Amino acid sequence: MTTITKSRSANHSKTLKLVHIGMFSALMAIGANLTSFLIIGGVPITLQTFFAILAGILLGSRLGAAAMVVYTFIGLAGVPVFAKFSGGMDTIISPTFGFILSFILLAYVVGLIAEKIPTRKGFAAAALAGLVINYAVGTNWMYGAYKLWFAAPEGFTYALAWAWMVPPLPKDLILAVLAGLFGFRLKPIIKKFM
């Protein structure tokens, strides 16, 4: 293989990785607003967790997390890609910003688990671990935001913050497992092009 051919192959690989990162950033924006007008408690119901899990599984830990970082920065720059077509730096103080931050860690951890245990059960376990990260980081941020800088509803407690997460939990559990199973089926296809 000549130096020129190696260079073209390396450039093609880098370009494809950038395309995958951009594609999952776009999928996150779509997933944020597909169902985001359905709000339970203070939490909009979205498909972001599904796409963040898929990003970690299909792109791997580093690229999956990179896609979530790009999505987060696009939203913070003011593009309305977050739930309810929101965006901008003021989103940082929003009670739901913790869920956005959790997607970065979620994609990274899901990718790591999927890389270490490349089986159907491993992918499902990775997806469920990602869901736990999403809920833990997001709900704790939401509780802290309402207690420290946002106007908390009357009688707001830590238990109430977690109670708000019960209605979307069945949907998120089903979608997390589906993301793991889809990821298992799609990973061999994506791997050919990476």
C-alpha atoms as a PDB file:
ATOM      1  CA  MET A   1       0.000   0.000   0.000  1.00  0.00           C
ATOM      2  CA  THR A   2       1.470   3.361  -0.978  1.00  0.00           C
ATOM      3  CA  THR A   3       1.741   6.391   1.286  1.00  0.00           C
ATOM      4  CA  ILE A   4      -0.947   8.198  -0.712  1.00  0.00           C
ATOM      5  CA  THR A   5      -3.366   5.289  -0.337  1.00  0.00           C
ATOM      6  CA  LYS A   6      -2.689   5.095   3.418  1.00  0.00           C
ATOM      7  CA  SER A   7      -3.249   8.838   3.706  1.00  0.00           C
ATOM      8  CA  ARG A   8      -6.547   8.654   1.806  1.00  0.00           C
ATOM      9  CA  SER A   9      -7.685   5.735   3.964  1.00  0.00           C
ATOM     10  CA  ALA A  10      -6.822   7.627   7.166  1.00  0.00           C
ATOM     11  CA  ASN A  11      -8.621  10.748   5.917  1.00  0.00           C
ATOM     12  CA  HIS A  12     -11.670   8.663   4.944  1.00  0.00           C
ATOM     13  CA  SER A  13     -11.715   7.090   8.411  1.00  0.00           C
ATOM     14  CA  LYS A  14     -11.486  10.504  10.132  1.00  0.00           C
ATOM     15  CA  THR A  15     -14.209  11.915   7.909  1.00  0.00           C
ATOM     16  CA  LEU A  16     -16.484   8.962   8.617  1.00  0.00           C
ATOM     17  CA  LYS A  17     -15.956   9.379  12.363  1.00  0.00           C
ATOM     18  CA  LEU A  18     -16.910  13.055  12.105  1.00  0.00           C
ATOM     19  CA  VAL A  19     -20.007  12.106  10.111  1.00  0.00           C
ATOM     20  CA  HIS A  20     -21.020   9.589  12.797  1.00  0.00           C
ATOM     21  CA  ILE A  21     -20.515  12.185  15.550  1.00  0.00           C
ATOM     22  CA  GLY A  22     -22.598  14.707  13.589  1.00  0.00           C
ATOM     23  CA  MET A  23     -25.288  12.132  12.860  1.00  0.00           C
ATOM     24  CA  PHE A  24     -25.749  11.229  16.524  1.00  0.00           C
ATOM     25  CA  SER A  25     -25.732  14.908  17.516  1.00  0.00           C
ATOM     26  CA  ALA A  26     -28.575  15.419  15.029  1.00  0.00           C
ATOM     27  CA  LEU A  27     -30.423  12.335  16.291  1.00  0.00           C
ATOM     28  CA  MET A  28     -30.203  13.730  19.817  1.00  0.00           C
ATOM     29  CA  ALA A  29     -31.784  16.991  18.645  1.00  0.00           C
ATOM     30  CA  ILE A  30     -34.597  15.066  16.959  1.00  0.00           C
ATOM     31  CA  GLY A  31     -35.069  12.811  19.985  1.00  0.00           C
ATOM     32  CA  ALA A  32     -35.181  15.841  22.287  1.00  0.00           C
ATOM     33  CA  ASN A  33     -38.104  17.383  20.474  1.00  0.00           C
ATOM     34  CA  LEU A  34     -40.044  14.446  19.094  1.00  0.00           C
ATOM     35  CA  THR A  35     -42.158  14.084  22.224  1.00  0.00           C
ATOM     36  CA  SER A  36     -40.854  16.883  24.447  1.00  0.00           C
ATOM     37  CA  PHE A  37     -44.167  18.673  24.795  1.00  0.00           C
ATOM     38  CA  LEU A  38     -45.304  15.858  27.075  1.00  0.00           C
ATOM     39  CA  ILE A  39     -44.063  16.983  30.495  1.00  0.00           C
ATOM     40  CA  ILE A  40     -44.500  15.058  33.734  1.00  0.00           C
ATOM     41  CA  GLY A  41     -43.439  16.936  36.860  1.00  0.00           C
ATOM     42  CA  GLY A  42     -40.593  19.082  35.618  1.00  0.00           C
ATOM     43  CA  VAL A  43     -39.255  16.477  33.205  1.00  0.00           C
ATOM     44  CA  PRO A  44     -40.035  16.464  29.459  1.00  0.00           C
ATOM     45  CA  ILE A  45     -40.494  12.987  27.995  1.00  0.00           C
ATOM     46  CA  THR A  46     -37.952  12.573  25.174  1.00  0.00           C
ATOM     47  CA  LEU A  47     -36.056   9.912  23.203  1.00  0.00           C
ATOM     48  CA  GLN A  48     -32.614  11.310  24.060  1.00  0.00           C
ATOM     49  CA  THR A  49     -31.618   8.475  26.380  1.00  0.00           C
ATOM     50  CA  PHE A  50     -32.332   5.982  23.590  1.00  0.00           C
ATOM     51  CA  PHE A  51     -30.064   7.806  21.127  1.00  0.00           C
ATOM     52  CA  ALA A  52     -27.332   8.449  23.731  1.00  0.00           C
ATOM     53  CA  ILE A  53     -27.227   4.714  24.508  1.00  0.00           C
ATOM     54  CA  LEU A  54     -27.066   3.878  20.795  1.00  0.00           C
ATOM     55  CA  ALA A  55     -24.229   6.390  20.357  1.00  0.00           C
ATOM     56  CA  GLY A  56     -22.186   4.692  23.078  1.00  0.00           C
ATOM     57  CA  ILE A  57     -22.843   1.206  21.706  1.00  0.00           C
ATOM     58  CA  LEU A  58     -22.361   1.952  18.012  1.00  0.00           C
ATOM     59  CA  LEU A  59     -19.604   4.568  18.130  1.00  0.00           C
ATOM     60  CA  GLY A  60     -17.753   3.307  21.186  1.00  0.00           C
ATOM     61  CA  SER A  61     -16.895   5.114  24.379  1.00  0.00           C
ATOM     62  CA  ARG A  62     -14.776   7.964  23.000  1.00  0.00           C
ATOM     63  CA  LEU A  63     -16.747   8.795  19.853  1.00  0.00           C
ATOM     64  CA  GLY A  64     -20.103   8.285  21.576  1.00  0.00           C
ATOM     65  CA  ALA A  65     -19.120  10.719  24.330  1.00  0.00           C
ATOM     66  CA  ALA A  66     -17.730  13.100  21.690  1.00  0.00           C
ATOM     67  CA  ALA A  67     -21.103  13.091  19.899  1.00  0.00           C
ATOM     68  CA  MET A  68     -22.824  14.016  23.173  1.00  0.00           C
ATOM     69  CA  VAL A  69     -20.284  16.779  23.849  1.00  0.00           C
ATOM     70  CA  VAL A  70     -20.924  18.211  20.372  1.00  0.00           C
ATOM     71  CA  TYR A  71     -24.694  18.039  20.950  1.00  0.00           C
ATOM     72  CA  THR A  72     -24.312  19.811  24.319  1.00  0.00           C
ATOM     73  CA  PHE A  73     -22.121  22.594  22.888  1.00  0.00           C
ATOM     74  CA  ILE A  74     -24.475  23.109  19.933  1.00  0.00           C
ATOM     75  CA  GLY A  75     -27.330  23.628  22.378  1.00  0.00           C
ATOM     76  CA  LEU A  76     -25.300  25.875  24.676  1.00  0.00           C
ATOM     77  CA  ALA A  77     -24.312  27.964  21.649  1.00  0.00           C
ATOM     78  CA  GLY A  78     -27.990  28.845  21.266  1.00  0.00           C
ATOM     79  CA  VAL A  79     -29.237  26.413  18.643  1.00  0.00           C
ATOM     80  CA  PRO A  80     -32.640  25.117  19.848  1.00  0.00           C
ATOM     81  CA  VAL A  81     -31.710  21.431  20.041  1.00  0.00           C
ATOM     82  CA  PHE A  82     -32.641  20.749  23.671  1.00  0.00           C
ATOM     83  CA  ALA A  83     -36.109  19.628  24.793  1.00  0.00           C
ATOM     84  CA  LYS A  84     -38.962  22.014  23.969  1.00  0.00           C
ATOM     85  CA  PHE A  85     -36.749  23.591  21.268  1.00  0.00           C
ATOM     86  CA  SER A  86     -34.607  25.353  23.854  1.00  0.00           C
ATOM     87  CA  GLY A  87     -30.940  26.260  23.781  1.00  0.00           C
ATOM     88  CA  GLY A  88     -28.492  28.841  25.040  1.00  0.00           C
ATOM     89  CA  MET A  89     -26.195  29.313  27.998  1.00  0.00           C
ATOM     90  CA  ASP A  90     -29.110  29.908  30.380  1.00  0.00           C
ATOM     91  CA  THR A  91     -29.931  26.207  29.977  1.00  0.00           C
ATOM     92  CA  ILE A  92     -27.088  25.490  32.413  1.00  0.00           C
ATOM     93  CA  ILE A  93     -29.227  26.718  35.307  1.00  0.00           C
ATOM     94  CA  SER A  94     -32.273  24.754  34.125  1.00  0.00           C
ATOM     95  CA  PRO A  95     -33.390  21.964  36.476  1.00  0.00           C
ATOM     96  CA  THR A  96     -33.153  19.452  33.605  1.00  0.00           C
ATOM     97  CA  PHE A  97     -29.611  20.352  32.463  1.00  0.00           C
ATOM     98  CA  GLY A  98     -28.235  17.461  34.522  1.00  0.00           C
ATOM     99  CA  PHE A  99     -29.901  15.051  32.122  1.00  0.00           C
ATOM    100  CA  ILE A 100     -28.092  16.722  29.208  1.00  0.00           C
ATOM    101  CA  LEU A 101     -24.761  16.447  31.051  1.00  0.00           C
ATOM    102  CA  SER A 102     -25.480  12.826  31.909  1.00  0.00           C
ATOM    103  CA  PHE A 103     -25.595  11.896  28.215  1.00  0.00           C
ATOM    104  CA  ILE A 104     -21.823  12.440  27.928  1.00  0.00           C
ATOM    105  CA  LEU A 105     -21.001  10.101  30.820  1.00  0.00           C
ATOM    106  CA  LEU A 106     -23.776   7.711  29.782  1.00  0.00           C
ATOM    107  CA  ALA A 107     -22.416   7.304  26.237  1.00  0.00           C
ATOM    108  CA  TYR A 108     -18.871   6.836  27.526  1.00  0.00           C
ATOM    109  CA  VAL A 109     -19.783   4.165  30.100  1.00  0.00           C
ATOM    110  CA  VAL A 110     -22.182   2.357  27.739  1.00  0.00           C
ATOM    111  CA  GLY A 111     -19.452   2.314  25.098  1.00  0.00           C
ATOM    112  CA  LEU A 112     -16.901   0.919  27.562  1.00  0.00           C
ATOM    113  CA  ILE A 113     -19.209  -1.867  28.721  1.00  0.00           C
ATOM    114  CA  ALA A 114     -20.187  -2.746  25.138  1.00  0.00           C
ATOM    115  CA  GLU A 115     -16.501  -2.865  24.147  1.00  0.00           C
ATOM    116  CA  LYS A 116     -15.633  -5.162  27.067  1.00  0.00           C
ATOM    117  CA  ILE A 117     -18.708  -7.432  26.814  1.00  0.00           C
ATOM    118  CA  PRO A 118     -19.645  -7.609  23.092  1.00  0.00           C
ATOM    119  CA  THR A 119     -22.623  -9.931  23.600  1.00  0.00           C
ATOM    120  CA  ARG A 120     -26.370  -9.377  23.472  1.00  0.00           C
ATOM    121  CA  LYS A 121     -26.564  -9.526  27.291  1.00  0.00           C
ATOM    122  CA  GLY A 122     -23.547  -7.242  27.575  1.00  0.00           C
ATOM    123  CA  PHE A 123     -25.167  -4.646  25.336  1.00  0.00           C
ATOM    124  CA  ALA A 124     -28.444  -4.844  27.291  1.00  0.00           C
ATOM    125  CA  ALA A 125     -26.510  -4.474  30.559  1.00  0.00           C
ATOM    126  CA  ALA A 126     -24.628  -1.498  29.107  1.00  0.00           C
ATOM    127  CA  ALA A 127     -27.920   0.113  28.103  1.00  0.00           C
ATOM    128  CA  LEU A 128     -29.389  -0.365  31.585  1.00  0.00           C
ATOM    129  CA  ALA A 129     -26.215   1.011  33.192  1.00  0.00           C
ATOM    130  CA  GLY A 130     -26.587   4.058  30.946  1.00  0.00           C
ATOM    131  CA  LEU A 131     -30.173   4.524  32.087  1.00  0.00           C
ATOM    132  CA  VAL A 132     -29.073   4.399  35.732  1.00  0.00           C
ATOM    133  CA  ILE A 133     -26.427   7.069  35.041  1.00  0.00           C
ATOM    134  CA  ASN A 134     -28.992   9.230  33.236  1.00  0.00           C
ATOM    135  CA  TYR A 135     -31.475   9.059  36.101  1.00  0.00           C
ATOM    136  CA  ALA A 136     -28.883   9.446  38.874  1.00  0.00           C
ATOM    137  CA  VAL A 137     -27.112  12.488  37.424  1.00  0.00           C
ATOM    138  CA  GLY A 138     -30.252  14.117  36.027  1.00  0.00           C
ATOM    139  CA  THR A 139     -32.466  13.676  39.071  1.00  0.00           C
ATOM    140  CA  ASN A 140     -29.800  14.802  41.528  1.00  0.00           C
ATOM    141  CA  TRP A 141     -29.094  17.898  39.403  1.00  0.00           C
ATOM    142  CA  MET A 142     -32.833  18.609  39.242  1.00  0.00           C
ATOM    143  CA  TYR A 143     -33.182  18.310  43.011  1.00  0.00           C
ATOM    144  CA  GLY A 144     -30.166  20.553  43.598  1.00  0.00           C
ATOM    145  CA  ALA A 145     -31.412  23.129  41.093  1.00  0.00           C
ATOM    146  CA  TYR A 146     -34.838  23.346  42.707  1.00  0.00           C
ATOM    147  CA  LYS A 147     -33.339  23.579  46.178  1.00  0.00           C
ATOM    148  CA  LEU A 148     -30.514  26.036  45.430  1.00  0.00           C
ATOM    149  CA  TRP A 149     -31.374  28.399  42.599  1.00  0.00           C
ATOM    150  CA  PHE A 150     -34.741  27.584  41.044  1.00  0.00           C
ATOM    151  CA  ALA A 151     -38.180  28.146  42.593  1.00  0.00           C
ATOM    152  CA  ALA A 152     -39.121  24.767  44.035  1.00  0.00           C
ATOM    153  CA  PRO A 153     -42.771  23.718  43.974  1.00  0.00           C
ATOM    154  CA  GLU A 154     -44.586  23.702  47.316  1.00  0.00           C
ATOM    155  CA  GLY A 155     -43.547  20.704  49.417  1.00  0.00           C
ATOM    156  CA  PHE A 156     -40.700  19.711  47.069  1.00  0.00           C
ATOM    157  CA  THR A 157     -38.499  16.962  48.521  1.00  0.00           C
ATOM    158  CA  TYR A 158     -35.818  14.579  47.319  1.00  0.00           C
ATOM    159  CA  ALA A 159     -38.429  11.801  47.290  1.00  0.00           C
ATOM    160  CA  LEU A 160     -40.713  13.956  45.131  1.00  0.00           C
ATOM    161  CA  ALA A 161     -37.890  14.565  42.633  1.00  0.00           C
ATOM    162  CA  TRP A 162     -37.518  10.784  42.274  1.00  0.00           C
ATOM    163  CA  ALA A 163     -41.296  10.338  42.166  1.00  0.00           C
ATOM    164  CA  TRP A 164     -41.354  12.580  39.085  1.00  0.00           C
ATOM    165  CA  MET A 165     -39.084  10.040  37.410  1.00  0.00           C
ATOM    166  CA  VAL A 166     -41.501   7.125  37.899  1.00  0.00           C
ATOM    167  CA  PRO A 167     -43.877   7.922  34.969  1.00  0.00           C
ATOM    168  CA  PRO A 168     -41.132   7.963  32.276  1.00  0.00           C
ATOM    169  CA  LEU A 169     -39.308   4.968  33.807  1.00  0.00           C
ATOM    170  CA  PRO A 170     -41.251   2.166  32.018  1.00  0.00           C
ATOM    171  CA  LYS A 171     -40.802   3.917  28.655  1.00  0.00           C
ATOM    172  CA  ASP A 172     -37.096   4.481  29.345  1.00  0.00           C
ATOM    173  CA  LEU A 173     -36.532   0.887  30.493  1.00  0.00           C
ATOM    174  CA  ILE A 174     -38.144  -0.479  27.330  1.00  0.00           C
ATOM    175  CA  LEU A 175     -36.257   1.940  25.093  1.00  0.00           C
ATOM    176  CA  ALA A 176     -32.952   1.235  26.867  1.00  0.00           C
ATOM    177  CA  VAL A 177     -33.292  -2.508  26.314  1.00  0.00           C
ATOM    178  CA  LEU A 178     -34.349  -1.901  22.689  1.00  0.00           C
ATOM    179  CA  ALA A 179     -31.316   0.367  22.199  1.00  0.00           C
ATOM    180  CA  GLY A 180     -29.095  -2.423  23.528  1.00  0.00           C
ATOM    181  CA  LEU A 181     -30.684  -4.986  21.213  1.00  0.00           C
ATOM    182  CA  PHE A 182     -30.657  -2.666  18.173  1.00  0.00           C
ATOM    183  CA  GLY A 183     -27.064  -1.815  18.960  1.00  0.00           C
ATOM    184  CA  PHE A 184     -26.140  -5.479  19.050  1.00  0.00           C
ATOM    185  CA  ARG A 185     -27.698  -5.999  15.618  1.00  0.00           C
ATOM    186  CA  LEU A 186     -26.281  -2.800  14.100  1.00  0.00           C
ATOM    187  CA  LYS A 187     -22.745  -2.935  15.561  1.00  0.00           C
ATOM    188  CA  PRO A 188     -21.366  -5.407  12.978  1.00  0.00           C
ATOM    189  CA  ILE A 189     -22.708  -3.233  10.158  1.00  0.00           C
ATOM    190  CA  ILE A 190     -21.285  -0.002  11.590  1.00  0.00           C
ATOM    191  CA  LYS A 191     -17.953  -1.714  12.376  1.00  0.00           C
ATOM    192  CA  LYS A 192     -17.404  -2.405   8.675  1.00  0.00           C
ATOM    193  CA  PHE A 193     -17.335   1.318   7.974  1.00  0.00           C
ATOM    194  CA  MET A 194     -15.267   2.498  10.931  1.00  0.00           C
END
